[in-house]
């Protein structure tokens, strides 16, 4: 089956990295893929440059139609938002099915009535023209379905690859970590007040005479807010502002605590899952989408600091529980966030989009 992946400028490094990985991981016996761009030059990634000066132009539209017919494309996959309308028009003229990437979709409740109406009109038009919509999580699938009234069959969920390298063991002393229990807190770059709860969790654990230390990893507003919150307090906290050391630090820690107030799954938790660490995290939509309560993580009521401390204590005190949770979390992550899983899921997504028109 022949798929043409269409972008506009394809200048975003993350998008280029994703497309490069996709081309490497697709099952070539089932899918043959090429890349075209509206306003970018041909390079090691882009097979066909359409020479357009604008995202929507008559010349680029004609050249894209010709390319679809010449390559006998069976699916046009639109990977960049600014290329959607040119791609949809060309595919309609060439009688080729379409799939479209939607990497973000806000919850309808977060939008004003005007913004909600604009989103609804836009995605309903796209849904009528495209056979399949690709999203990176079930949470975004639900938001998109609520905004545009799409059926779940039209939306395909493929989780993005997480660039994590596992480390089996490290010398704690090399990082200045204590010999007691170390709990990792991976702070997101954007501010999230929920992570300040970790300070109270640590204080509660210390009151139980537990030799527990908090290892804060990250950078940005949340990291700085935590550092400021404990100024003047005598608490056993180690600070690591470089995420490049995350694999080694996770290997050196006994458990991972997350305190997010956001619906999305924090990328730090994906790293913890791939590292096979036991996790204590709040009951948020993105988290419970991939972590099964009491099977691959201990899930607590958001903002319930007492329960957080209790569950962290359970993980630190019972080695068999920690091992079981970590093993299950690693398995769940391997099924969703590895390059191999991504290649399998995208191959099936493309095939489903093509077969839906036959």
C-alpha atoms as a PDB file:
ATOM      1  CA  UNK A   1       0.000   0.000   0.000  1.00  0.00           C
ATOM      2  CA  UNK A   2       1.344   3.405  -0.997  1.00  0.00           C
ATOM      3  CA  UNK A   3       1.040   6.368   1.385  1.00  0.00           C
ATOM      4  CA  UNK A   4       2.079   9.965   0.760  1.00  0.00           C
ATOM      5  CA  UNK A   5       2.811  11.978   3.922  1.00  0.00           C
ATOM      6  CA  UNK A   6       2.157  15.676   3.303  1.00  0.00           C
ATOM      7  CA  UNK A   7       3.605  18.586   5.229  1.00  0.00           C
ATOM      8  CA  UNK A   8       3.873  22.322   4.663  1.00  0.00           C
ATOM      9  CA  UNK A   9       7.264  23.703   5.691  1.00  0.00           C
ATOM     10  CA  UNK A  10       8.314  20.687   7.787  1.00  0.00           C
ATOM     11  CA  UNK A  11      10.606  22.982   9.761  1.00  0.00           C
ATOM     12  CA  UNK A  12       9.725  21.819  13.265  1.00  0.00           C
ATOM     13  CA  UNK A  13      12.559  19.561  14.526  1.00  0.00           C
ATOM     14  CA  UNK A  14      10.208  17.414  16.585  1.00  0.00           C
ATOM     15  CA  UNK A  15       7.942  16.784  13.597  1.00  0.00           C
ATOM     16  CA  UNK A  16      10.906  15.923  11.385  1.00  0.00           C
ATOM     17  CA  UNK A  17      12.219  13.547  14.032  1.00  0.00           C
ATOM     18  CA  UNK A  18       8.799  11.889  14.258  1.00  0.00           C
ATOM     19  CA  UNK A  19       8.545  11.468  10.478  1.00  0.00           C
ATOM     20  CA  UNK A  20      12.087  10.080  10.249  1.00  0.00           C
ATOM     21  CA  UNK A  21      11.263   7.564  12.964  1.00  0.00           C
ATOM     22  CA  UNK A  22       7.980   6.690  11.269  1.00  0.00           C
ATOM     23  CA  UNK A  23       9.650   5.933   7.947  1.00  0.00           C
ATOM     24  CA  UNK A  24      12.193   3.726   9.711  1.00  0.00           C
ATOM     25  CA  UNK A  25       9.600   1.810  11.740  1.00  0.00           C
ATOM     26  CA  UNK A  26       6.864   1.186   9.161  1.00  0.00           C
ATOM     27  CA  UNK A  27       6.515  -2.403   7.977  1.00  0.00           C
ATOM     28  CA  UNK A  28       7.788  -1.970   4.398  1.00  0.00           C
ATOM     29  CA  UNK A  29       6.121  -5.216   3.330  1.00  0.00           C
ATOM     30  CA  UNK A  30       2.751  -3.607   4.048  1.00  0.00           C
ATOM     31  CA  UNK A  31       3.262   0.168   3.672  1.00  0.00           C
ATOM     32  CA  UNK A  32       5.488   2.088   1.246  1.00  0.00           C
ATOM     33  CA  UNK A  33       5.617   5.748   2.290  1.00  0.00           C
ATOM     34  CA  UNK A  34       7.007   8.942   0.756  1.00  0.00           C
ATOM     35  CA  UNK A  35       7.086  12.535   2.028  1.00  0.00           C
ATOM     36  CA  UNK A  36       6.006  15.689   0.171  1.00  0.00           C
ATOM     37  CA  UNK A  37       6.134  19.322   1.321  1.00  0.00           C
ATOM     38  CA  UNK A  38       4.315  22.405   0.062  1.00  0.00           C
ATOM     39  CA  UNK A  39       6.855  25.102   1.033  1.00  0.00           C
ATOM     40  CA  UNK A  40      10.098  23.273   1.783  1.00  0.00           C
ATOM     41  CA  UNK A  41      13.063  22.233  -0.322  1.00  0.00           C
ATOM     42  CA  UNK A  42      13.797  18.614  -1.039  1.00  0.00           C
ATOM     43  CA  UNK A  43      16.245  17.046   1.448  1.00  0.00           C
ATOM     44  CA  UNK A  44      17.050  13.737   3.134  1.00  0.00           C
ATOM     45  CA  UNK A  45      13.500  13.572   4.527  1.00  0.00           C
ATOM     46  CA  UNK A  46      11.437  15.224   1.788  1.00  0.00           C
ATOM     47  CA  UNK A  47      11.086  13.213  -1.420  1.00  0.00           C
ATOM     48  CA  UNK A  48       8.955  15.749  -3.319  1.00  0.00           C
ATOM     49  CA  UNK A  49       9.058  19.556  -2.934  1.00  0.00           C
ATOM     50  CA  UNK A  50       5.959  21.160  -4.448  1.00  0.00           C
ATOM     51  CA  UNK A  51       7.464  24.637  -4.723  1.00  0.00           C
ATOM     52  CA  UNK A  52       4.585  26.621  -3.271  1.00  0.00           C
ATOM     53  CA  UNK A  53       4.915  30.126  -1.829  1.00  0.00           C
ATOM     54  CA  UNK A  54       1.695  29.793   0.159  1.00  0.00           C
ATOM     55  CA  UNK A  55       0.080  26.951   2.046  1.00  0.00           C
ATOM     56  CA  UNK A  56      -2.901  27.127  -0.304  1.00  0.00           C
ATOM     57  CA  UNK A  57      -2.129  27.873  -3.950  1.00  0.00           C
ATOM     58  CA  UNK A  58      -3.467  26.684  -7.283  1.00  0.00           C
ATOM     59  CA  UNK A  59      -0.017  25.675  -8.515  1.00  0.00           C
ATOM     60  CA  UNK A  60       0.748  23.521  -5.492  1.00  0.00           C
ATOM     61  CA  UNK A  61      -2.713  21.985  -5.722  1.00  0.00           C
ATOM     62  CA  UNK A  62      -2.151  20.944  -9.347  1.00  0.00           C
ATOM     63  CA  UNK A  63       1.306  19.542  -8.614  1.00  0.00           C
ATOM     64  CA  UNK A  64       0.021  17.574  -5.646  1.00  0.00           C
ATOM     65  CA  UNK A  65      -2.822  16.070  -7.681  1.00  0.00           C
ATOM     66  CA  UNK A  66      -0.320  15.060 -10.359  1.00  0.00           C
ATOM     67  CA  UNK A  67       1.992  13.520  -7.741  1.00  0.00           C
ATOM     68  CA  UNK A  68      -0.832  11.516  -6.174  1.00  0.00           C
ATOM     69  CA  UNK A  69      -1.721  10.062  -9.563  1.00  0.00           C
ATOM     70  CA  UNK A  70       1.857   9.489 -10.685  1.00  0.00           C
ATOM     71  CA  UNK A  71       2.810   7.577  -7.528  1.00  0.00           C
ATOM     72  CA  UNK A  72      -0.555   5.758  -7.456  1.00  0.00           C
ATOM     73  CA  UNK A  73      -1.034   6.848  -3.851  1.00  0.00           C
ATOM     74  CA  UNK A  74      -3.684   4.964  -1.897  1.00  0.00           C
ATOM     75  CA  UNK A  75      -3.734   7.298   1.130  1.00  0.00           C
ATOM     76  CA  UNK A  76      -2.740  10.927   1.663  1.00  0.00           C
ATOM     77  CA  UNK A  77      -1.667  11.438   5.273  1.00  0.00           C
ATOM     78  CA  UNK A  78      -1.598  15.139   6.227  1.00  0.00           C
ATOM     79  CA  UNK A  79       0.928  15.579   9.017  1.00  0.00           C
ATOM     80  CA  UNK A  80       0.951  19.369   9.381  1.00  0.00           C
ATOM     81  CA  UNK A  81      -2.035  21.587  10.154  1.00  0.00           C
ATOM     82  CA  UNK A  82      -1.211  24.287   7.577  1.00  0.00           C
ATOM     83  CA  UNK A  83      -1.261  21.677   4.782  1.00  0.00           C
ATOM     84  CA  UNK A  84      -4.767  20.371   5.556  1.00  0.00           C
ATOM     85  CA  UNK A  85      -6.875  22.287   3.051  1.00  0.00           C
ATOM     86  CA  UNK A  86      -4.516  21.878   0.084  1.00  0.00           C
ATOM     87  CA  UNK A  87      -4.237  18.181   0.904  1.00  0.00           C
ATOM     88  CA  UNK A  88      -7.983  17.660   1.238  1.00  0.00           C
ATOM     89  CA  UNK A  89      -8.744  19.444  -2.054  1.00  0.00           C
ATOM     90  CA  UNK A  90      -6.041  17.535  -3.953  1.00  0.00           C
ATOM     91  CA  UNK A  91      -7.149  14.190  -2.528  1.00  0.00           C
ATOM     92  CA  UNK A  92     -10.751  14.867  -3.531  1.00  0.00           C
ATOM     93  CA  UNK A  93      -9.758  15.659  -7.124  1.00  0.00           C
ATOM     94  CA  UNK A  94      -7.477  12.595  -7.283  1.00  0.00           C
ATOM     95  CA  UNK A  95     -10.066  10.381  -5.526  1.00  0.00           C
ATOM     96  CA  UNK A  96      -7.633   9.394  -2.765  1.00  0.00           C
ATOM     97  CA  UNK A  97      -8.635   8.801   0.876  1.00  0.00           C
ATOM     98  CA  UNK A  98      -7.246  11.157   3.518  1.00  0.00           C
ATOM     99  CA  UNK A  99      -6.018  10.908   7.096  1.00  0.00           C
ATOM    100  CA  UNK A 100      -5.205  13.979   9.199  1.00  0.00           C
ATOM    101  CA  UNK A 101      -3.077  14.479  12.305  1.00  0.00           C
ATOM    102  CA  UNK A 102      -4.662  16.287  15.264  1.00  0.00           C
ATOM    103  CA  UNK A 103      -1.997  16.583  17.951  1.00  0.00           C
ATOM    104  CA  UNK A 104      -3.986  18.925  20.216  1.00  0.00           C
ATOM    105  CA  UNK A 105      -7.663  19.400  21.036  1.00  0.00           C
ATOM    106  CA  UNK A 106      -8.758  21.429  24.057  1.00  0.00           C
ATOM    107  CA  UNK A 107     -11.582  20.324  26.288  1.00  0.00           C
ATOM    108  CA  UNK A 108     -14.807  22.060  25.170  1.00  0.00           C
ATOM    109  CA  UNK A 109     -15.325  23.336  28.726  1.00  0.00           C
ATOM    110  CA  UNK A 110     -12.053  25.285  28.520  1.00  0.00           C
ATOM    111  CA  UNK A 111     -13.144  27.297  25.470  1.00  0.00           C
ATOM    112  CA  UNK A 112     -15.316  30.355  25.107  1.00  0.00           C
ATOM    113  CA  UNK A 113     -18.519  29.885  23.148  1.00  0.00           C
ATOM    114  CA  UNK A 114     -16.974  31.623  20.119  1.00  0.00           C
ATOM    115  CA  UNK A 115     -13.785  29.517  20.197  1.00  0.00           C
ATOM    116  CA  UNK A 116     -15.799  26.361  20.717  1.00  0.00           C
ATOM    117  CA  UNK A 117     -17.948  27.211  17.698  1.00  0.00           C
ATOM    118  CA  UNK A 118     -14.912  27.866  15.487  1.00  0.00           C
ATOM    119  CA  UNK A 119     -13.277  24.586  16.540  1.00  0.00           C
ATOM    120  CA  UNK A 120     -16.520  22.720  15.899  1.00  0.00           C
ATOM    121  CA  UNK A 121     -16.966  24.119  12.378  1.00  0.00           C
ATOM    122  CA  UNK A 122     -13.342  23.501  11.424  1.00  0.00           C
ATOM    123  CA  UNK A 123     -13.155  19.915  12.612  1.00  0.00           C
ATOM    124  CA  UNK A 124     -16.574  18.987  11.297  1.00  0.00           C
ATOM    125  CA  UNK A 125     -15.448  20.098   7.833  1.00  0.00           C
ATOM    126  CA  UNK A 126     -12.241  18.079   8.198  1.00  0.00           C
ATOM    127  CA  UNK A 127     -14.152  15.060   9.516  1.00  0.00           C
ATOM    128  CA  UNK A 128     -16.428  15.081   6.461  1.00  0.00           C
ATOM    129  CA  UNK A 129     -13.423  15.043   4.112  1.00  0.00           C
ATOM    130  CA  UNK A 130     -11.063  12.679   5.972  1.00  0.00           C
ATOM    131  CA  UNK A 131     -11.465   8.954   6.494  1.00  0.00           C
ATOM    132  CA  UNK A 132      -9.370   8.892   9.680  1.00  0.00           C
ATOM    133  CA  UNK A 133      -8.066  11.364  12.271  1.00  0.00           C
ATOM    134  CA  UNK A 134      -4.840  10.518  14.099  1.00  0.00           C
ATOM    135  CA  UNK A 135      -4.519  11.646  17.740  1.00  0.00           C
ATOM    136  CA  UNK A 136      -1.814  10.942  20.378  1.00  0.00           C
ATOM    137  CA  UNK A 137      -4.101   9.939  23.267  1.00  0.00           C
ATOM    138  CA  UNK A 138      -7.578   8.803  24.244  1.00  0.00           C
ATOM    139  CA  UNK A 139      -8.005  12.090  26.101  1.00  0.00           C
ATOM    140  CA  UNK A 140      -7.573  14.126  22.897  1.00  0.00           C
ATOM    141  CA  UNK A 141      -9.848  11.649  21.117  1.00  0.00           C
ATOM    142  CA  UNK A 142     -12.617  12.399  23.625  1.00  0.00           C
ATOM    143  CA  UNK A 143     -12.095  16.152  23.334  1.00  0.00           C
ATOM    144  CA  UNK A 144     -12.179  15.997  19.531  1.00  0.00           C
ATOM    145  CA  UNK A 145     -15.241  13.793  19.531  1.00  0.00           C
ATOM    146  CA  UNK A 146     -17.042  16.208  21.845  1.00  0.00           C
ATOM    147  CA  UNK A 147     -16.024  19.216  19.740  1.00  0.00           C
ATOM    148  CA  UNK A 148     -16.856  17.804  16.313  1.00  0.00           C
ATOM    149  CA  UNK A 149     -19.248  14.959  17.006  1.00  0.00           C
ATOM    150  CA  UNK A 150     -16.943  12.398  15.362  1.00  0.00           C
ATOM    151  CA  UNK A 151     -17.499   8.705  15.934  1.00  0.00           C
ATOM    152  CA  UNK A 152     -14.804   6.784  17.780  1.00  0.00           C
ATOM    153  CA  UNK A 153     -14.307   4.612  14.669  1.00  0.00           C
ATOM    154  CA  UNK A 154     -13.088   7.653  12.723  1.00  0.00           C
ATOM    155  CA  UNK A 155     -10.423   8.539  15.285  1.00  0.00           C
ATOM    156  CA  UNK A 156      -7.262   6.459  15.682  1.00  0.00           C
ATOM    157  CA  UNK A 157      -5.054   6.710  18.774  1.00  0.00           C
ATOM    158  CA  UNK A 158      -1.316   6.193  18.332  1.00  0.00           C
ATOM    159  CA  UNK A 159       0.884   7.119  21.284  1.00  0.00           C
ATOM    160  CA  UNK A 160       4.069   9.068  20.494  1.00  0.00           C
ATOM    161  CA  UNK A 161       7.480   7.542  21.051  1.00  0.00           C
ATOM    162  CA  UNK A 162       9.184   8.617  24.269  1.00  0.00           C
ATOM    163  CA  UNK A 163      12.969   9.132  23.879  1.00  0.00           C
ATOM    164  CA  UNK A 164      14.006   7.312  27.043  1.00  0.00           C
ATOM    165  CA  UNK A 165      17.089   5.128  27.457  1.00  0.00           C
ATOM    166  CA  UNK A 166      16.809   2.660  30.302  1.00  0.00           C
ATOM    167  CA  UNK A 167      19.616   2.306  32.854  1.00  0.00           C
ATOM    168  CA  UNK A 168      19.633  -0.794  35.038  1.00  0.00           C
ATOM    169  CA  UNK A 169      21.614   0.464  38.011  1.00  0.00           C
ATOM    170  CA  UNK A 170      23.898   3.294  39.095  1.00  0.00           C
ATOM    171  CA  UNK A 171      26.068   4.234  42.048  1.00  0.00           C
ATOM    172  CA  UNK A 172      23.893   6.457  44.236  1.00  0.00           C
ATOM    173  CA  UNK A 173      26.935   8.000  45.824  1.00  0.00           C
ATOM    174  CA  UNK A 174      27.985   9.374  42.444  1.00  0.00           C
ATOM    175  CA  UNK A 175      24.888  11.602  42.553  1.00  0.00           C
ATOM    176  CA  UNK A 176      25.202  12.358  46.232  1.00  0.00           C
ATOM    177  CA  UNK A 177      22.041  10.422  47.041  1.00  0.00           C
ATOM    178  CA  UNK A 178      21.407   9.076  50.516  1.00  0.00           C
ATOM    179  CA  UNK A 179      21.410   5.404  51.469  1.00  0.00           C
ATOM    180  CA  UNK A 180      17.798   5.574  52.655  1.00  0.00           C
ATOM    181  CA  UNK A 181      14.740   5.619  50.394  1.00  0.00           C
ATOM    182  CA  UNK A 182      14.779   8.064  47.488  1.00  0.00           C
ATOM    183  CA  UNK A 183      11.550   9.223  45.848  1.00  0.00           C
ATOM    184  CA  UNK A 184      11.758  10.978  42.492  1.00  0.00           C
ATOM    185  CA  UNK A 185       9.577  13.966  41.608  1.00  0.00           C
ATOM    186  CA  UNK A 186       9.868  14.935  37.921  1.00  0.00           C
ATOM    187  CA  UNK A 187       8.865  18.593  37.653  1.00  0.00           C
ATOM    188  CA  UNK A 188       7.279  19.734  34.374  1.00  0.00           C
ATOM    189  CA  UNK A 189       8.699  22.839  32.659  1.00  0.00           C
ATOM    190  CA  UNK A 190       5.383  24.737  32.871  1.00  0.00           C
ATOM    191  CA  UNK A 191       4.051  25.800  36.246  1.00  0.00           C
ATOM    192  CA  UNK A 192       1.785  23.315  38.011  1.00  0.00           C
ATOM    193  CA  UNK A 193       0.948  24.167  41.625  1.00  0.00           C
ATOM    194  CA  UNK A 194       0.058  20.546  42.349  1.00  0.00           C
ATOM    195  CA  UNK A 195       3.723  19.583  42.614  1.00  0.00           C
ATOM    196  CA  UNK A 196       4.092  21.794  45.696  1.00  0.00           C
ATOM    197  CA  UNK A 197       2.115  19.103  47.523  1.00  0.00           C
ATOM    198  CA  UNK A 198       5.225  16.909  47.408  1.00  0.00           C
ATOM    199  CA  UNK A 199       6.740  19.014  50.189  1.00  0.00           C
ATOM    200  CA  UNK A 200       3.903  18.140  52.552  1.00  0.00           C
ATOM    201  CA  UNK A 201       4.054  14.487  51.474  1.00  0.00           C
ATOM    202  CA  UNK A 202       7.738  14.423  52.420  1.00  0.00           C
ATOM    203  CA  UNK A 203       7.042  16.081  55.770  1.00  0.00           C
ATOM    204  CA  UNK A 204       4.348  13.496  56.582  1.00  0.00           C
ATOM    205  CA  UNK A 205       6.682  10.630  55.710  1.00  0.00           C
ATOM    206  CA  UNK A 206       9.459  12.073  57.853  1.00  0.00           C
ATOM    207  CA  UNK A 207       7.065  12.373  60.808  1.00  0.00           C
ATOM    208  CA  UNK A 208       6.655   8.601  60.587  1.00  0.00           C
ATOM    209  CA  UNK A 209      10.422   8.365  61.246  1.00  0.00           C
ATOM    210  CA  UNK A 210      11.018   7.101  57.715  1.00  0.00           C
ATOM    211  CA  UNK A 211      14.421   7.712  56.164  1.00  0.00           C
ATOM    212  CA  UNK A 212      12.981   9.199  52.965  1.00  0.00           C
ATOM    213  CA  UNK A 213      14.591  11.717  50.620  1.00  0.00           C
ATOM    214  CA  UNK A 214      13.001  13.633  47.753  1.00  0.00           C
ATOM    215  CA  UNK A 215      14.859  13.838  44.446  1.00  0.00           C
ATOM    216  CA  UNK A 216      13.504  16.721  42.353  1.00  0.00           C
ATOM    217  CA  UNK A 217      14.367  16.508  38.658  1.00  0.00           C
ATOM    218  CA  UNK A 218      13.520  19.097  36.038  1.00  0.00           C
ATOM    219  CA  UNK A 219      13.743  22.722  35.094  1.00  0.00           C
ATOM    220  CA  UNK A 220      11.443  25.667  34.563  1.00  0.00           C
ATOM    221  CA  UNK A 221       8.683  27.300  36.582  1.00  0.00           C
ATOM    222  CA  UNK A 222       7.595  24.302  38.675  1.00  0.00           C
ATOM    223  CA  UNK A 223      11.174  23.434  39.672  1.00  0.00           C
ATOM    224  CA  UNK A 224      11.831  27.034  40.691  1.00  0.00           C
ATOM    225  CA  UNK A 225       8.566  27.274  42.635  1.00  0.00           C
ATOM    226  CA  UNK A 226       9.421  24.135  44.589  1.00  0.00           C
ATOM    227  CA  UNK A 227      12.894  25.421  45.358  1.00  0.00           C
ATOM    228  CA  UNK A 228      11.431  28.667  46.650  1.00  0.00           C
ATOM    229  CA  UNK A 229       8.751  26.892  48.709  1.00  0.00           C
ATOM    230  CA  UNK A 230      11.301  24.966  50.791  1.00  0.00           C
ATOM    231  CA  UNK A 231      13.710  27.862  51.345  1.00  0.00           C
ATOM    232  CA  UNK A 232      14.582  27.911  55.027  1.00  0.00           C
ATOM    233  CA  UNK A 233      13.106  24.464  55.692  1.00  0.00           C
ATOM    234  CA  UNK A 234      15.314  21.622  56.843  1.00  0.00           C
ATOM    235  CA  UNK A 235      14.147  18.906  54.485  1.00  0.00           C
ATOM    236  CA  UNK A 236      16.171  16.136  52.768  1.00  0.00           C
ATOM    237  CA  UNK A 237      15.732  17.232  49.146  1.00  0.00           C
ATOM    238  CA  UNK A 238      18.253  16.937  46.333  1.00  0.00           C
ATOM    239  CA  UNK A 239      17.873  19.160  43.272  1.00  0.00           C
ATOM    240  CA  UNK A 240      18.789  18.113  39.737  1.00  0.00           C
ATOM    241  CA  UNK A 241      17.985  20.792  37.143  1.00  0.00           C
ATOM    242  CA  UNK A 242      19.292  18.760  34.189  1.00  0.00           C
ATOM    243  CA  UNK A 243      16.848  16.296  32.650  1.00  0.00           C
ATOM    244  CA  UNK A 244      19.696  14.718  30.696  1.00  0.00           C
ATOM    245  CA  UNK A 245      20.461  12.759  33.878  1.00  0.00           C
ATOM    246  CA  UNK A 246      16.887  11.461  34.202  1.00  0.00           C
ATOM    247  CA  UNK A 247      17.623   7.802  33.268  1.00  0.00           C
ATOM    248  CA  UNK A 248      20.414   7.513  35.819  1.00  0.00           C
ATOM    249  CA  UNK A 249      18.457   9.317  38.523  1.00  0.00           C
ATOM    250  CA  UNK A 250      15.388   7.139  38.020  1.00  0.00           C
ATOM    251  CA  UNK A 251      17.582   4.056  38.256  1.00  0.00           C
ATOM    252  CA  UNK A 252      18.885   5.361  41.587  1.00  0.00           C
ATOM    253  CA  UNK A 253      15.425   6.056  43.055  1.00  0.00           C
ATOM    254  CA  UNK A 254      13.043   3.635  44.746  1.00  0.00           C
ATOM    255  CA  UNK A 255       9.734   5.177  43.621  1.00  0.00           C
ATOM    256  CA  UNK A 256       8.229   8.052  41.654  1.00  0.00           C
ATOM    257  CA  UNK A 257       5.650  10.520  42.965  1.00  0.00           C
ATOM    258  CA  UNK A 258       3.565  12.698  40.660  1.00  0.00           C
ATOM    259  CA  UNK A 259       1.250  15.506  41.802  1.00  0.00           C
ATOM    260  CA  UNK A 260      -0.031  16.997  38.548  1.00  0.00           C
ATOM    261  CA  UNK A 261      -3.314  18.883  38.386  1.00  0.00           C
ATOM    262  CA  UNK A 262      -3.445  18.636  34.576  1.00  0.00           C
ATOM    263  CA  UNK A 263      -5.426  16.115  32.548  1.00  0.00           C
ATOM    264  CA  UNK A 264      -2.543  15.254  30.216  1.00  0.00           C
ATOM    265  CA  UNK A 265      -0.124  12.430  31.007  1.00  0.00           C
ATOM    266  CA  UNK A 266       3.164  14.000  32.220  1.00  0.00           C
ATOM    267  CA  UNK A 267       6.098  12.869  30.094  1.00  0.00           C
ATOM    268  CA  UNK A 268       8.048  12.258  33.299  1.00  0.00           C
ATOM    269  CA  UNK A 269       5.642   9.459  34.173  1.00  0.00           C
ATOM    270  CA  UNK A 270       6.263   7.814  30.793  1.00  0.00           C
ATOM    271  CA  UNK A 271       9.982   7.845  31.603  1.00  0.00           C
ATOM    272  CA  UNK A 272       9.240   6.322  35.015  1.00  0.00           C
ATOM    273  CA  UNK A 273       7.141   3.594  33.389  1.00  0.00           C
ATOM    274  CA  UNK A 274       9.875   2.752  30.890  1.00  0.00           C
ATOM    275  CA  UNK A 275      12.336   2.633  33.791  1.00  0.00           C
ATOM    276  CA  UNK A 276      10.080   0.119  35.539  1.00  0.00           C
ATOM    277  CA  UNK A 277       9.610   2.223  38.672  1.00  0.00           C
ATOM    278  CA  UNK A 278       6.616   2.009  41.034  1.00  0.00           C
ATOM    279  CA  UNK A 279       4.483   5.124  40.671  1.00  0.00           C
ATOM    280  CA  UNK A 280       2.110   7.016  42.953  1.00  0.00           C
ATOM    281  CA  UNK A 281       0.016   9.509  40.976  1.00  0.00           C
ATOM    282  CA  UNK A 282      -3.306  11.395  41.130  1.00  0.00           C
ATOM    283  CA  UNK A 283      -6.467  10.210  39.422  1.00  0.00           C
ATOM    284  CA  UNK A 284      -6.322  12.372  36.278  1.00  0.00           C
ATOM    285  CA  UNK A 285      -7.677  11.439  32.850  1.00  0.00           C
ATOM    286  CA  UNK A 286      -4.320  11.196  31.063  1.00  0.00           C
ATOM    287  CA  UNK A 287      -2.790   9.136  33.875  1.00  0.00           C
ATOM    288  CA  UNK A 288      -5.578   6.578  34.269  1.00  0.00           C
ATOM    289  CA  UNK A 289      -5.644   6.201  30.484  1.00  0.00           C
ATOM    290  CA  UNK A 290      -2.339   4.315  30.585  1.00  0.00           C
ATOM    291  CA  UNK A 291      -1.822   3.350  34.235  1.00  0.00           C
ATOM    292  CA  UNK A 292      -4.140   0.780  35.802  1.00  0.00           C
ATOM    293  CA  UNK A 293      -4.938   1.509  39.468  1.00  0.00           C
ATOM    294  CA  UNK A 294      -3.324  -1.031  41.837  1.00  0.00           C
ATOM    295  CA  UNK A 295      -1.845  -2.918  38.879  1.00  0.00           C
ATOM    296  CA  UNK A 296       0.683  -0.591  37.249  1.00  0.00           C
ATOM    297  CA  UNK A 297       0.467   2.311  39.739  1.00  0.00           C
ATOM    298  CA  UNK A 298      -1.095   3.400  43.002  1.00  0.00           C
ATOM    299  CA  UNK A 299      -3.666   6.052  42.095  1.00  0.00           C
ATOM    300  CA  UNK A 300      -4.827   8.589  44.666  1.00  0.00           C
ATOM    301  CA  UNK A 301      -7.478  11.281  44.885  1.00  0.00           C
ATOM    302  CA  UNK A 302      -6.039  14.571  43.545  1.00  0.00           C
ATOM    303  CA  UNK A 303      -4.835  16.919  46.303  1.00  0.00           C
ATOM    304  CA  UNK A 304      -5.231  14.225  48.993  1.00  0.00           C
ATOM    305  CA  UNK A 305      -1.798  14.659  50.537  1.00  0.00           C
ATOM    306  CA  UNK A 306      -2.537  12.200  53.333  1.00  0.00           C
ATOM    307  CA  UNK A 307      -3.332   9.424  50.854  1.00  0.00           C
ATOM    308  CA  UNK A 308      -0.284  10.306  48.741  1.00  0.00           C
ATOM    309  CA  UNK A 309       1.968   9.892  51.770  1.00  0.00           C
ATOM    310  CA  UNK A 310       0.256   6.630  52.720  1.00  0.00           C
ATOM    311  CA  UNK A 311       0.668   5.118  49.237  1.00  0.00           C
ATOM    312  CA  UNK A 312       4.289   6.241  48.909  1.00  0.00           C
ATOM    313  CA  UNK A 313       4.929   4.607  52.265  1.00  0.00           C
ATOM    314  CA  UNK A 314       3.331   1.348  51.016  1.00  0.00           C
ATOM    315  CA  UNK A 315       5.581   1.291  47.962  1.00  0.00           C
ATOM    316  CA  UNK A 316       8.707   1.953  50.022  1.00  0.00           C
ATOM    317  CA  UNK A 317       7.854  -0.605  52.704  1.00  0.00           C
ATOM    318  CA  UNK A 318       6.721  -3.532  50.555  1.00  0.00           C
ATOM    319  CA  UNK A 319       9.304  -4.613  48.005  1.00  0.00           C
ATOM    320  CA  UNK A 320       7.056  -7.161  46.290  1.00  0.00           C
ATOM    321  CA  UNK A 321       4.370  -4.534  45.705  1.00  0.00           C
ATOM    322  CA  UNK A 322       6.937  -2.102  44.283  1.00  0.00           C
ATOM    323  CA  UNK A 323       8.384  -4.746  41.987  1.00  0.00           C
ATOM    324  CA  UNK A 324       4.951  -5.796  40.714  1.00  0.00           C
ATOM    325  CA  UNK A 325       3.873  -2.214  40.030  1.00  0.00           C
ATOM    326  CA  UNK A 326       7.124  -1.375  38.261  1.00  0.00           C
ATOM    327  CA  UNK A 327       7.028  -4.486  36.106  1.00  0.00           C
ATOM    328  CA  UNK A 328       3.447  -3.813  35.029  1.00  0.00           C
ATOM    329  CA  UNK A 329       4.175  -0.124  34.323  1.00  0.00           C
ATOM    330  CA  UNK A 330       7.143  -1.071  32.137  1.00  0.00           C
ATOM    331  CA  UNK A 331       5.025  -3.538  30.177  1.00  0.00           C
ATOM    332  CA  UNK A 332       2.313  -0.927  29.612  1.00  0.00           C
ATOM    333  CA  UNK A 333       4.884   1.614  28.415  1.00  0.00           C
ATOM    334  CA  UNK A 334       6.551  -0.891  26.073  1.00  0.00           C
ATOM    335  CA  UNK A 335       3.152  -1.565  24.482  1.00  0.00           C
ATOM    336  CA  UNK A 336       2.593   2.126  23.769  1.00  0.00           C
ATOM    337  CA  UNK A 337       5.660   4.374  23.798  1.00  0.00           C
ATOM    338  CA  UNK A 338       8.517   2.471  22.130  1.00  0.00           C
ATOM    339  CA  UNK A 339       9.583   2.849  18.467  1.00  0.00           C
ATOM    340  CA  UNK A 340       8.483  -0.714  17.729  1.00  0.00           C
ATOM    341  CA  UNK A 341       5.009  -0.114  19.181  1.00  0.00           C
ATOM    342  CA  UNK A 342       4.746   3.136  17.228  1.00  0.00           C
ATOM    343  CA  UNK A 343       5.656   1.446  13.945  1.00  0.00           C
ATOM    344  CA  UNK A 344       3.082  -1.314  14.451  1.00  0.00           C
ATOM    345  CA  UNK A 345       0.336   1.129  15.415  1.00  0.00           C
ATOM    346  CA  UNK A 346       0.998   3.461  12.471  1.00  0.00           C
ATOM    347  CA  UNK A 347       1.066   0.569  10.000  1.00  0.00           C
ATOM    348  CA  UNK A 348      -2.338  -0.555  11.279  1.00  0.00           C
ATOM    349  CA  UNK A 349      -3.645   3.031  11.240  1.00  0.00           C
ATOM    350  CA  UNK A 350      -2.710   3.495   7.569  1.00  0.00           C
ATOM    351  CA  UNK A 351      -4.172   0.131   6.578  1.00  0.00           C
ATOM    352  CA  UNK A 352      -7.444   0.877   8.367  1.00  0.00           C
ATOM    353  CA  UNK A 353      -7.735   4.253   6.617  1.00  0.00           C
ATOM    354  CA  UNK A 354      -7.175   2.655   3.202  1.00  0.00           C
ATOM    355  CA  UNK A 355      -9.460  -0.322   3.760  1.00  0.00           C
ATOM    356  CA  UNK A 356     -12.268   1.932   5.016  1.00  0.00           C
ATOM    357  CA  UNK A 357     -12.848   3.125   1.430  1.00  0.00           C
ATOM    358  CA  UNK A 358     -12.795  -0.270  -0.266  1.00  0.00           C
END
